[in-house]
Amino acid sequence: MIELIFATNNQNKVTEVKSLMEKHIQVKSLQEAGIDIDIPEPHQTLKENAIEKSTVIHRLFSKNCFSEDTGLEVDALNGEPGVRSARYAGDEANNEKNIQKLLNNLNGNSNRNARFRTVISLIIDDAHFLFEGICEGTLTNETKGNKGFGYDSIFIPNGDIKTFGEMDLEEKNKYSHRKKAIFKLIEFLNNYHGKN
């Protein structure tokens, strides 16, 4: 059995990740681990923010842990919102405000190409590893569906006609950037022969 703390307070991400994990990998959210901490994301890249979150938890609690940072990268906006995805419309913004700002900035632009990118930072037995997952797609002109979270209701993955917001978790996981990164993490752990 491998036990990992998932360095996030985002319950949506916890639910998604736990739905993908294999039985011998036990994932605990910060809340489940009894850790009440809000970890800053001060950096300019997803990779640096993911490393920051896992490093903070490992330094404070000396536990095997992982974190992730995810961003939506829009070609017509030079990669925005990217690392600022969760705070695109300001530090107090919510999903609706972030989506509205994005659609306003894209208004009239025919290039709707975008991608979700997830970077996972794992610290296990004091060693550090990184994994990445990408999902290419296009953006709609208006929100469709009320499932998922973040920008899911305006993102259609390549190969489908529905937004992530119209898909249940099982459908979304066929394409999910987070799933791709998590599967790389699982594959690594399945072949890991460290101190455990």
N, C-alpha and C. Protein backbone atom coordinates (compact mmCIF):
# COMPACT_ATOMS: atom_id res chain seq x y z
N MET A 1 0.84 -1.20 0.00
CA MET A 1 0.00 0.00 0.00
C MET A 1 0.88 1.25 0.00
N ILE A 2 0.58 2.15 -0.90
CA ILE A 2 1.28 3.44 -0.93
C ILE A 2 0.29 4.51 -0.46
N GLU A 3 0.69 5.30 0.53
CA GLU A 3 -0.15 6.39 1.01
C GLU A 3 0.43 7.72 0.55
N LEU A 4 -0.44 8.55 -0.02
CA LEU A 4 -0.03 9.86 -0.50
C LEU A 4 -1.02 10.91 -0.03
N ILE A 5 -0.49 12.04 0.39
CA ILE A 5 -1.34 13.20 0.66
C ILE A 5 -1.44 14.01 -0.64
N PHE A 6 -2.66 14.35 -1.03
CA PHE A 6 -2.90 15.18 -2.21
C PHE A 6 -3.00 16.62 -1.72
N ALA A 7 -2.02 17.42 -2.07
CA ALA A 7 -1.91 18.79 -1.54
C ALA A 7 -2.87 19.74 -2.24
N THR A 8 -4.16 19.58 -1.92
CA THR A 8 -5.16 20.47 -2.48
C THR A 8 -6.32 20.62 -1.50
N ASN A 9 -7.00 21.77 -1.59
CA ASN A 9 -8.25 21.98 -0.86
C ASN A 9 -9.44 21.97 -1.82
N ASN A 10 -9.19 21.63 -3.08
CA ASN A 10 -10.23 21.63 -4.10
C ASN A 10 -10.90 20.25 -4.13
N GLN A 11 -12.11 20.18 -3.57
CA GLN A 11 -12.79 18.89 -3.45
C GLN A 11 -13.13 18.28 -4.81
N ASN A 12 -13.37 19.12 -5.82
CA ASN A 12 -13.64 18.61 -7.16
C ASN A 12 -12.44 17.83 -7.69
N LYS A 13 -11.24 18.37 -7.47
CA LYS A 13 -10.02 17.69 -7.92
C LYS A 13 -9.81 16.38 -7.14
N VAL A 14 -10.11 16.40 -5.85
CA VAL A 14 -9.96 15.20 -5.02
C VAL A 14 -10.87 14.09 -5.54
N THR A 15 -12.13 14.44 -5.84
CA THR A 15 -13.09 13.46 -6.34
C THR A 15 -12.61 12.87 -7.67
N GLU A 16 -12.13 13.74 -8.58
CA GLU A 16 -11.66 13.29 -9.88
C GLU A 16 -10.47 12.34 -9.74
N VAL A 17 -9.51 12.73 -8.92
CA VAL A 17 -8.29 11.94 -8.76
C VAL A 17 -8.60 10.59 -8.10
N LYS A 18 -9.43 10.60 -7.07
CA LYS A 18 -9.76 9.34 -6.38
C LYS A 18 -10.50 8.37 -7.30
N SER A 19 -11.27 8.91 -8.24
CA SER A 19 -12.01 8.04 -9.17
C SER A 19 -11.06 7.31 -10.12
N LEU A 20 -9.83 7.78 -10.23
CA LEU A 20 -8.86 7.20 -11.16
C LEU A 20 -7.85 6.28 -10.48
N MET A 21 -7.70 6.41 -9.17
CA MET A 21 -6.63 5.71 -8.47
C MET A 21 -6.88 4.21 -8.33
N GLU A 22 -5.78 3.46 -8.31
CA GLU A 22 -5.87 2.02 -8.08
C GLU A 22 -5.92 1.75 -6.57
N LYS A 23 -6.42 0.56 -6.22
CA LYS A 23 -6.72 0.26 -4.82
C LYS A 23 -5.51 0.32 -3.90
N HIS A 24 -4.33 -0.01 -4.41
CA HIS A 24 -3.16 -0.05 -3.54
C HIS A 24 -2.52 1.33 -3.33
N ILE A 25 -3.12 2.36 -3.95
CA ILE A 25 -2.63 3.73 -3.74
C ILE A 25 -3.71 4.50 -2.99
N GLN A 26 -3.43 4.79 -1.73
CA GLN A 26 -4.41 5.49 -0.89
C GLN A 26 -4.11 6.99 -0.92
N VAL A 27 -5.09 7.74 -1.38
CA VAL A 27 -4.93 9.19 -1.48
C VAL A 27 -5.76 9.87 -0.41
N LYS A 28 -5.13 10.77 0.33
CA LYS A 28 -5.83 11.56 1.34
C LYS A 28 -5.75 13.03 0.95
N SER A 29 -6.88 13.70 0.99
CA SER A 29 -6.86 15.15 0.78
C SER A 29 -6.25 15.81 2.02
N LEU A 30 -5.92 17.08 1.91
CA LEU A 30 -5.41 17.81 3.08
C LEU A 30 -6.40 17.71 4.24
N GLN A 31 -7.67 17.88 3.93
CA GLN A 31 -8.70 17.82 4.96
C GLN A 31 -8.72 16.46 5.63
N GLU A 32 -8.67 15.40 4.83
CA GLU A 32 -8.69 14.03 5.38
C GLU A 32 -7.44 13.74 6.20
N ALA A 33 -6.35 14.41 5.87
CA ALA A 33 -5.11 14.22 6.62
C ALA A 33 -5.03 15.14 7.84
N GLY A 34 -6.09 15.93 8.05
CA GLY A 34 -6.13 16.84 9.19
C GLY A 34 -5.22 18.05 9.04
N ILE A 35 -4.95 18.42 7.80
CA ILE A 35 -4.05 19.55 7.53
C ILE A 35 -4.86 20.74 7.06
N ASP A 36 -4.84 21.80 7.86
CA ASP A 36 -5.59 23.01 7.52
C ASP A 36 -4.60 24.08 7.09
N ILE A 37 -4.35 24.14 5.78
CA ILE A 37 -3.36 25.08 5.27
C ILE A 37 -3.77 25.51 3.87
N ASP A 38 -3.58 26.77 3.58
CA ASP A 38 -3.85 27.29 2.24
C ASP A 38 -2.50 27.59 1.60
N ILE A 39 -2.14 26.85 0.59
CA ILE A 39 -0.81 26.97 0.01
C ILE A 39 -0.83 27.99 -1.13
N PRO A 40 0.04 28.98 -1.09
CA PRO A 40 0.06 29.99 -2.16
C PRO A 40 0.53 29.41 -3.49
N GLU A 41 0.13 30.08 -4.56
CA GLU A 41 0.57 29.71 -5.91
C GLU A 41 1.19 30.96 -6.55
N PRO A 42 2.40 31.32 -6.13
CA PRO A 42 2.96 32.61 -6.49
C PRO A 42 3.71 32.65 -7.82
N HIS A 43 3.85 31.51 -8.48
CA HIS A 43 4.79 31.43 -9.60
C HIS A 43 4.13 31.68 -10.95
N GLN A 44 4.97 31.75 -11.98
CA GLN A 44 4.52 32.10 -13.33
C GLN A 44 4.29 30.87 -14.22
N THR A 45 4.56 29.67 -13.69
CA THR A 45 4.32 28.45 -14.47
C THR A 45 3.58 27.43 -13.62
N LEU A 46 2.84 26.54 -14.31
CA LEU A 46 2.14 25.45 -13.63
C LEU A 46 3.12 24.55 -12.90
N LYS A 47 4.23 24.27 -13.55
CA LYS A 47 5.25 23.40 -12.97
C LYS A 47 5.76 23.96 -11.64
N GLU A 48 6.09 25.26 -11.62
CA GLU A 48 6.62 25.86 -10.37
C GLU A 48 5.57 25.86 -9.27
N ASN A 49 4.30 26.12 -9.63
CA ASN A 49 3.25 26.11 -8.61
C ASN A 49 3.01 24.70 -8.06
N ALA A 50 3.03 23.70 -8.94
CA ALA A 50 2.86 22.32 -8.47
C ALA A 50 3.99 21.93 -7.52
N ILE A 51 5.21 22.28 -7.89
CA ILE A 51 6.37 21.99 -7.03
C ILE A 51 6.24 22.71 -5.69
N GLU A 52 5.79 23.96 -5.73
CA GLU A 52 5.62 24.74 -4.50
C GLU A 52 4.68 24.02 -3.52
N LYS A 53 3.54 23.56 -4.03
CA LYS A 53 2.53 22.96 -3.16
C LYS A 53 3.02 21.64 -2.55
N SER A 54 3.63 20.80 -3.36
CA SER A 54 4.12 19.52 -2.80
C SER A 54 5.28 19.75 -1.84
N THR A 55 6.14 20.70 -2.16
CA THR A 55 7.30 20.99 -1.31
C THR A 55 6.88 21.51 0.05
N VAL A 56 5.88 22.39 0.07
CA VAL A 56 5.40 22.96 1.35
C VAL A 56 4.88 21.84 2.25
N ILE A 57 4.04 20.95 1.70
CA ILE A 57 3.47 19.87 2.50
C ILE A 57 4.56 18.91 2.98
N HIS A 58 5.49 18.59 2.10
CA HIS A 58 6.56 17.66 2.48
C HIS A 58 7.45 18.27 3.54
N ARG A 59 7.75 19.54 3.40
CA ARG A 59 8.63 20.21 4.37
C ARG A 59 7.98 20.28 5.75
N LEU A 60 6.67 20.54 5.78
CA LEU A 60 5.97 20.70 7.05
C LEU A 60 5.64 19.37 7.73
N PHE A 61 5.35 18.33 6.94
CA PHE A 61 4.81 17.11 7.52
C PHE A 61 5.63 15.86 7.21
N SER A 62 6.67 15.99 6.39
CA SER A 62 7.56 14.86 6.05
C SER A 62 6.78 13.63 5.58
N LYS A 63 5.75 13.86 4.79
CA LYS A 63 4.92 12.77 4.26
C LYS A 63 5.08 12.68 2.75
N ASN A 64 4.96 11.46 2.21
CA ASN A 64 4.89 11.33 0.76
C ASN A 64 3.64 12.05 0.26
N CYS A 65 3.78 12.84 -0.77
CA CYS A 65 2.66 13.67 -1.21
C CYS A 65 2.78 14.02 -2.68
N PHE A 66 1.69 14.50 -3.23
CA PHE A 66 1.74 15.04 -4.59
C PHE A 66 0.78 16.22 -4.67
N SER A 67 1.01 17.04 -5.66
CA SER A 67 0.13 18.18 -5.92
C SER A 67 0.01 18.32 -7.42
N GLU A 68 -0.94 19.13 -7.83
CA GLU A 68 -1.04 19.40 -9.26
C GLU A 68 -1.44 20.86 -9.46
N ASP A 69 -1.09 21.38 -10.61
CA ASP A 69 -1.60 22.68 -11.02
C ASP A 69 -2.07 22.52 -12.45
N THR A 70 -3.22 23.09 -12.73
CA THR A 70 -3.84 22.95 -14.04
C THR A 70 -4.19 24.32 -14.58
N GLY A 71 -4.00 24.49 -15.87
CA GLY A 71 -4.36 25.75 -16.50
C GLY A 71 -4.99 25.52 -17.86
N LEU A 72 -5.81 26.48 -18.27
CA LEU A 72 -6.38 26.49 -19.62
C LEU A 72 -5.55 27.46 -20.45
N GLU A 73 -5.01 26.98 -21.55
CA GLU A 73 -4.17 27.80 -22.42
C GLU A 73 -4.90 28.05 -23.74
N VAL A 74 -5.18 29.32 -24.03
CA VAL A 74 -5.95 29.69 -25.22
C VAL A 74 -5.01 30.31 -26.25
N ASP A 75 -4.97 29.70 -27.44
CA ASP A 75 -4.02 30.14 -28.47
C ASP A 75 -4.20 31.60 -28.83
N ALA A 76 -5.44 32.04 -29.03
CA ALA A 76 -5.71 33.41 -29.47
C ALA A 76 -5.37 34.45 -28.40
N LEU A 77 -5.19 34.00 -27.16
CA LEU A 77 -4.85 34.91 -26.06
C LEU A 77 -3.42 34.68 -25.58
N ASN A 78 -2.59 34.16 -26.49
CA ASN A 78 -1.17 33.93 -26.17
C ASN A 78 -0.97 33.06 -24.94
N GLY A 79 -1.83 32.06 -24.79
CA GLY A 79 -1.67 31.12 -23.67
C GLY A 79 -2.41 31.50 -22.41
N GLU A 80 -3.06 32.66 -22.40
CA GLU A 80 -3.89 33.01 -21.23
C GLU A 80 -5.13 32.10 -21.19
N PRO A 81 -5.73 31.93 -20.00
CA PRO A 81 -5.31 32.41 -18.68
C PRO A 81 -4.16 31.61 -18.07
N GLY A 82 -3.89 30.40 -18.58
CA GLY A 82 -2.71 29.67 -18.13
C GLY A 82 -2.63 29.50 -16.63
N VAL A 83 -1.50 29.92 -16.10
CA VAL A 83 -1.24 29.74 -14.67
C VAL A 83 -2.21 30.56 -13.81
N ARG A 84 -2.86 31.56 -14.42
CA ARG A 84 -3.82 32.41 -13.69
C ARG A 84 -5.26 31.91 -13.85
N SER A 85 -5.45 30.70 -14.34
CA SER A 85 -6.80 30.22 -14.68
C SER A 85 -7.80 30.36 -13.54
N ALA A 86 -7.42 30.00 -12.34
CA ALA A 86 -8.36 30.04 -11.21
C ALA A 86 -8.63 31.47 -10.74
N ARG A 87 -7.74 32.40 -11.10
CA ARG A 87 -7.88 33.79 -10.63
C ARG A 87 -7.90 34.77 -11.79
N TYR A 88 -8.37 34.32 -12.93
CA TYR A 88 -8.29 35.11 -14.16
C TYR A 88 -9.01 36.45 -14.03
N ALA A 89 -10.17 36.44 -13.39
CA ALA A 89 -10.95 37.67 -13.24
C ALA A 89 -10.68 38.35 -11.89
N GLY A 90 -9.58 37.98 -11.24
CA GLY A 90 -9.23 38.58 -9.95
C GLY A 90 -9.14 37.54 -8.86
N ASP A 91 -8.48 37.90 -7.77
CA ASP A 91 -8.24 36.94 -6.68
C ASP A 91 -9.52 36.43 -6.03
N GLU A 92 -10.59 37.21 -6.09
CA GLU A 92 -11.86 36.79 -5.49
C GLU A 92 -12.82 36.23 -6.53
N ALA A 93 -12.32 35.96 -7.72
CA ALA A 93 -13.19 35.54 -8.82
C ALA A 93 -13.73 34.14 -8.59
N ASN A 94 -14.88 33.88 -9.24
CA ASN A 94 -15.44 32.52 -9.26
C ASN A 94 -15.45 32.02 -10.70
N ASN A 95 -15.93 30.78 -10.90
CA ASN A 95 -15.93 30.19 -12.24
C ASN A 95 -16.67 31.05 -13.25
N GLU A 96 -17.84 31.57 -12.85
CA GLU A 96 -18.66 32.36 -13.77
C GLU A 96 -17.92 33.61 -14.23
N LYS A 97 -17.31 34.30 -13.30
CA LYS A 97 -16.59 35.54 -13.66
C LYS A 97 -15.38 35.25 -14.54
N ASN A 98 -14.68 34.17 -14.23
CA ASN A 98 -13.52 33.78 -15.04
C ASN A 98 -13.95 33.45 -16.48
N ILE A 99 -15.03 32.68 -16.61
CA ILE A 99 -15.53 32.31 -17.93
C ILE A 99 -15.98 33.54 -18.70
N GLN A 100 -16.69 34.44 -18.00
CA GLN A 100 -17.19 35.63 -18.68
C GLN A 100 -16.05 36.50 -19.20
N LYS A 101 -15.01 36.66 -18.41
CA LYS A 101 -13.86 37.44 -18.86
C LYS A 101 -13.21 36.78 -20.07
N LEU A 102 -13.08 35.46 -20.02
CA LEU A 102 -12.45 34.75 -21.13
C LEU A 102 -13.26 34.90 -22.42
N LEU A 103 -14.57 34.71 -22.32
CA LEU A 103 -15.42 34.83 -23.51
C LEU A 103 -15.43 36.26 -24.04
N ASN A 104 -15.41 37.24 -23.15
CA ASN A 104 -15.33 38.65 -23.57
C ASN A 104 -14.03 38.92 -24.32
N ASN A 105 -12.93 38.39 -23.80
CA ASN A 105 -11.62 38.60 -24.44
C ASN A 105 -11.52 37.91 -25.79
N LEU A 106 -12.31 36.84 -25.97
CA LEU A 106 -12.31 36.09 -27.23
C LEU A 106 -13.37 36.58 -28.21
N ASN A 107 -14.16 37.53 -27.80
CA ASN A 107 -15.32 37.97 -28.57
C ASN A 107 -14.97 38.25 -30.04
N GLY A 108 -15.62 37.51 -30.95
CA GLY A 108 -15.40 37.74 -32.37
C GLY A 108 -14.18 37.03 -32.94
N ASN A 109 -13.40 36.38 -32.09
CA ASN A 109 -12.20 35.70 -32.59
C ASN A 109 -12.56 34.30 -33.07
N SER A 110 -12.20 33.99 -34.30
CA SER A 110 -12.58 32.69 -34.87
C SER A 110 -11.64 31.56 -34.42
N ASN A 111 -10.47 31.91 -33.90
CA ASN A 111 -9.55 30.89 -33.39
C ASN A 111 -9.96 30.51 -31.97
N ARG A 112 -10.58 29.34 -31.84
CA ARG A 112 -11.07 28.91 -30.53
C ARG A 112 -10.22 27.77 -29.96
N ASN A 113 -9.06 27.53 -30.54
CA ASN A 113 -8.22 26.42 -30.08
C ASN A 113 -7.67 26.68 -28.68
N ALA A 114 -7.71 25.64 -27.85
CA ALA A 114 -7.24 25.76 -26.47
C ALA A 114 -6.85 24.38 -25.97
N ARG A 115 -6.18 24.37 -24.83
CA ARG A 115 -5.84 23.09 -24.22
C ARG A 115 -5.83 23.24 -22.70
N PHE A 116 -6.18 22.17 -22.04
CA PHE A 116 -5.97 22.06 -20.60
C PHE A 116 -4.62 21.37 -20.39
N ARG A 117 -3.83 21.91 -19.50
CA ARG A 117 -2.55 21.30 -19.16
C ARG A 117 -2.48 21.09 -17.64
N THR A 118 -2.13 19.87 -17.24
CA THR A 118 -1.96 19.53 -15.83
C THR A 118 -0.52 19.11 -15.58
N VAL A 119 0.07 19.65 -14.54
CA VAL A 119 1.40 19.23 -14.10
C VAL A 119 1.29 18.69 -12.68
N ILE A 120 1.77 17.47 -12.48
CA ILE A 120 1.76 16.84 -11.16
C ILE A 120 3.18 16.81 -10.62
N SER A 121 3.31 17.19 -9.36
CA SER A 121 4.60 17.12 -8.66
C SER A 121 4.47 16.09 -7.53
N LEU A 122 5.28 15.05 -7.60
CA LEU A 122 5.27 13.98 -6.60
C LEU A 122 6.56 14.02 -5.79
N ILE A 123 6.42 13.94 -4.47
CA ILE A 123 7.59 13.74 -3.61
C ILE A 123 7.37 12.43 -2.84
N ILE A 124 8.25 11.47 -3.10
CA ILE A 124 8.14 10.17 -2.43
C ILE A 124 9.54 9.74 -1.99
N ASP A 125 9.67 9.36 -0.73
CA ASP A 125 10.97 8.99 -0.16
C ASP A 125 12.01 10.07 -0.42
N ASP A 126 11.57 11.33 -0.28
CA ASP A 126 12.43 12.52 -0.41
C ASP A 126 12.92 12.76 -1.85
N ALA A 127 12.43 11.99 -2.81
CA ALA A 127 12.79 12.20 -4.22
C ALA A 127 11.63 12.88 -4.94
N HIS A 128 11.96 13.64 -5.98
CA HIS A 128 10.99 14.50 -6.64
C HIS A 128 10.78 14.04 -8.09
N PHE A 129 9.50 13.97 -8.53
CA PHE A 129 9.18 13.54 -9.89
C PHE A 129 8.05 14.40 -10.45
N LEU A 130 8.05 14.61 -11.76
CA LEU A 130 7.04 15.43 -12.43
C LEU A 130 6.34 14.64 -13.53
N PHE A 131 5.03 14.91 -13.71
CA PHE A 131 4.23 14.26 -14.74
C PHE A 131 3.31 15.31 -15.36
N GLU A 132 3.04 15.17 -16.66
CA GLU A 132 2.22 16.17 -17.34
C GLU A 132 1.15 15.49 -18.20
N GLY A 133 -0.02 16.10 -18.25
CA GLY A 133 -1.10 15.64 -19.11
C GLY A 133 -1.72 16.82 -19.85
N ILE A 134 -2.02 16.63 -21.14
CA ILE A 134 -2.57 17.71 -21.96
C ILE A 134 -3.81 17.20 -22.69
N CYS A 135 -4.85 18.03 -22.75
CA CYS A 135 -6.04 17.74 -23.53
C CYS A 135 -6.31 18.90 -24.47
N GLU A 136 -6.21 18.66 -25.78
CA GLU A 136 -6.48 19.68 -26.79
C GLU A 136 -7.98 19.77 -27.05
N GLY A 137 -8.44 20.98 -27.40
CA GLY A 137 -9.86 21.14 -27.70
C GLY A 137 -10.17 22.53 -28.24
N THR A 138 -11.45 22.85 -28.24
CA THR A 138 -11.90 24.17 -28.70
C THR A 138 -12.87 24.76 -27.68
N LEU A 139 -13.03 26.07 -27.75
CA LEU A 139 -13.91 26.78 -26.82
C LEU A 139 -15.21 27.18 -27.50
N THR A 140 -16.31 27.04 -26.77
CA THR A 140 -17.62 27.45 -27.27
C THR A 140 -17.80 28.95 -27.08
N ASN A 141 -18.91 29.47 -27.63
CA ASN A 141 -19.24 30.89 -27.46
C ASN A 141 -20.07 31.15 -26.22
N GLU A 142 -20.60 30.08 -25.65
CA GLU A 142 -21.42 30.21 -24.44
C GLU A 142 -21.31 28.93 -23.62
N THR A 143 -21.70 29.02 -22.37
CA THR A 143 -21.59 27.86 -21.48
C THR A 143 -22.62 26.80 -21.86
N LYS A 144 -22.21 25.55 -21.74
CA LYS A 144 -23.11 24.42 -22.01
C LYS A 144 -22.85 23.35 -20.96
N GLY A 145 -23.88 23.02 -20.20
CA GLY A 145 -23.76 21.99 -19.17
C GLY A 145 -23.39 22.58 -17.83
N ASN A 146 -23.77 21.87 -16.77
CA ASN A 146 -23.48 22.36 -15.42
C ASN A 146 -22.73 21.33 -14.58
N LYS A 147 -22.10 20.36 -15.27
CA LYS A 147 -21.26 19.40 -14.55
C LYS A 147 -19.83 19.92 -14.56
N GLY A 148 -18.97 19.24 -13.81
CA GLY A 148 -17.57 19.65 -13.79
C GLY A 148 -17.36 20.94 -13.01
N PHE A 149 -16.27 21.63 -13.33
CA PHE A 149 -15.93 22.86 -12.62
C PHE A 149 -14.96 23.66 -13.48
N GLY A 150 -14.59 24.83 -13.00
CA GLY A 150 -13.66 25.67 -13.76
C GLY A 150 -14.24 26.05 -15.11
N TYR A 151 -13.49 25.80 -16.17
CA TYR A 151 -13.88 26.18 -17.53
C TYR A 151 -14.55 25.02 -18.29
N ASP A 152 -14.94 23.98 -17.57
CA ASP A 152 -15.47 22.77 -18.23
C ASP A 152 -16.66 23.06 -19.15
N SER A 153 -17.49 24.04 -18.79
CA SER A 153 -18.72 24.27 -19.54
C SER A 153 -18.50 24.99 -20.88
N ILE A 154 -17.26 25.41 -21.17
CA ILE A 154 -17.00 26.04 -22.48
C ILE A 154 -15.91 25.31 -23.26
N PHE A 155 -15.47 24.15 -22.77
CA PHE A 155 -14.37 23.43 -23.41
C PHE A 155 -14.86 22.12 -24.02
N ILE A 156 -14.68 21.96 -25.33
CA ILE A 156 -15.01 20.72 -26.03
C ILE A 156 -13.71 20.02 -26.39
N PRO A 157 -13.45 18.83 -25.85
CA PRO A 157 -12.22 18.13 -26.20
C PRO A 157 -12.26 17.65 -27.64
N ASN A 158 -11.12 17.66 -28.31
CA ASN A 158 -11.04 17.13 -29.67
C ASN A 158 -11.54 15.69 -29.70
N GLY A 159 -12.40 15.39 -30.67
CA GLY A 159 -12.94 14.04 -30.78
C GLY A 159 -14.34 13.91 -30.23
N ASP A 160 -14.89 15.00 -29.69
CA ASP A 160 -16.24 14.96 -29.14
C ASP A 160 -17.01 16.20 -29.57
N ILE A 161 -18.31 16.22 -29.27
CA ILE A 161 -19.13 17.39 -29.60
C ILE A 161 -19.71 18.02 -28.34
N LYS A 162 -19.48 17.38 -27.20
CA LYS A 162 -20.00 17.90 -25.94
C LYS A 162 -18.90 18.60 -25.15
N THR A 163 -19.29 19.60 -24.36
CA THR A 163 -18.32 20.21 -23.45
C THR A 163 -18.10 19.29 -22.26
N PHE A 164 -16.99 19.51 -21.55
CA PHE A 164 -16.76 18.78 -20.31
C PHE A 164 -17.92 19.00 -19.34
N GLY A 165 -18.54 20.18 -19.41
CA GLY A 165 -19.66 20.50 -18.52
C GLY A 165 -20.91 19.69 -18.80
N GLU A 166 -20.97 19.06 -20.00
CA GLU A 166 -22.11 18.21 -20.35
C GLU A 166 -21.82 16.73 -20.09
N MET A 167 -20.60 16.43 -19.68
CA MET A 167 -20.19 15.03 -19.49
C MET A 167 -20.19 14.64 -18.02
N ASP A 168 -20.53 13.37 -17.76
CA ASP A 168 -20.30 12.87 -16.41
C ASP A 168 -18.81 12.54 -16.29
N LEU A 169 -18.39 12.17 -15.10
CA LEU A 169 -16.97 11.99 -14.82
C LEU A 169 -16.36 10.89 -15.69
N GLU A 170 -17.12 9.83 -15.91
CA GLU A 170 -16.61 8.72 -16.72
C GLU A 170 -16.35 9.16 -18.16
N GLU A 171 -17.27 9.96 -18.72
CA GLU A 171 -17.08 10.48 -20.08
C GLU A 171 -15.89 11.42 -20.14
N LYS A 172 -15.82 12.32 -19.17
CA LYS A 172 -14.74 13.30 -19.15
C LYS A 172 -13.38 12.62 -19.07
N ASN A 173 -13.32 11.54 -18.29
CA ASN A 173 -12.04 10.86 -18.09
C ASN A 173 -11.49 10.18 -19.35
N LYS A 174 -12.34 10.05 -20.39
CA LYS A 174 -11.84 9.53 -21.67
C LYS A 174 -10.81 10.49 -22.28
N TYR A 175 -10.97 11.78 -21.96
CA TYR A 175 -10.14 12.81 -22.58
C TYR A 175 -9.24 13.56 -21.59
N SER A 176 -9.59 13.49 -20.33
CA SER A 176 -9.08 14.42 -19.32
C SER A 176 -7.56 14.53 -19.24
N HIS A 177 -7.11 15.76 -19.26
CA HIS A 177 -5.72 16.11 -19.02
C HIS A 177 -5.26 15.61 -17.66
N ARG A 178 -6.13 15.76 -16.66
CA ARG A 178 -5.78 15.32 -15.31
C ARG A 178 -5.64 13.80 -15.28
N LYS A 179 -6.52 13.11 -15.99
CA LYS A 179 -6.41 11.65 -16.05
C LYS A 179 -5.08 11.23 -16.68
N LYS A 180 -4.70 11.91 -17.76
CA LYS A 180 -3.45 11.55 -18.44
C LYS A 180 -2.26 11.70 -17.50
N ALA A 181 -2.24 12.80 -16.74
CA ALA A 181 -1.15 13.03 -15.79
C ALA A 181 -1.20 12.02 -14.65
N ILE A 182 -2.41 11.76 -14.13
CA ILE A 182 -2.57 10.80 -13.03
C ILE A 182 -2.16 9.40 -13.46
N PHE A 183 -2.50 9.01 -14.71
CA PHE A 183 -2.12 7.68 -15.18
C PHE A 183 -0.61 7.54 -15.29
N LYS A 184 0.07 8.62 -15.64
CA LYS A 184 1.54 8.59 -15.65
C LYS A 184 2.06 8.41 -14.23
N LEU A 185 1.43 9.09 -13.28
CA LEU A 185 1.79 8.96 -11.86
C LEU A 185 1.55 7.52 -11.39
N ILE A 186 0.38 6.95 -11.73
CA ILE A 186 0.06 5.58 -11.32
C ILE A 186 1.05 4.58 -11.93
N GLU A 187 1.35 4.76 -13.21
CA GLU A 187 2.30 3.86 -13.87
C GLU A 187 3.66 3.91 -13.18
N PHE A 188 4.07 5.13 -12.81
CA PHE A 188 5.34 5.29 -12.10
C PHE A 188 5.28 4.55 -10.75
N LEU A 189 4.20 4.75 -10.00
CA LEU A 189 4.08 4.13 -8.67
C LEU A 189 4.01 2.61 -8.77
N ASN A 190 3.36 2.11 -9.83
CA ASN A 190 3.27 0.65 -10.01
C ASN A 190 4.64 0.01 -10.25
N ASN A 191 5.55 0.81 -10.75
CA ASN A 191 6.92 0.29 -11.02
C ASN A 191 7.95 0.81 -10.02
N TYR A 192 7.45 1.45 -8.97
CA TYR A 192 8.34 2.10 -8.00
C TYR A 192 8.82 1.09 -6.96
N HIS A 193 10.11 1.07 -6.75
CA HIS A 193 10.68 0.15 -5.76
C HIS A 193 11.58 0.91 -4.81
N GLY A 194 11.00 1.94 -4.20
CA GLY A 194 11.75 2.75 -3.25
C GLY A 194 11.73 2.10 -1.87
N LYS A 195 11.53 2.92 -0.86
CA LYS A 195 11.61 2.43 0.51
C LYS A 195 10.31 1.79 0.99
N ASN A 196 9.25 1.81 0.15
CA ASN A 196 7.97 1.31 0.64
C ASN A 196 7.94 -0.22 0.65
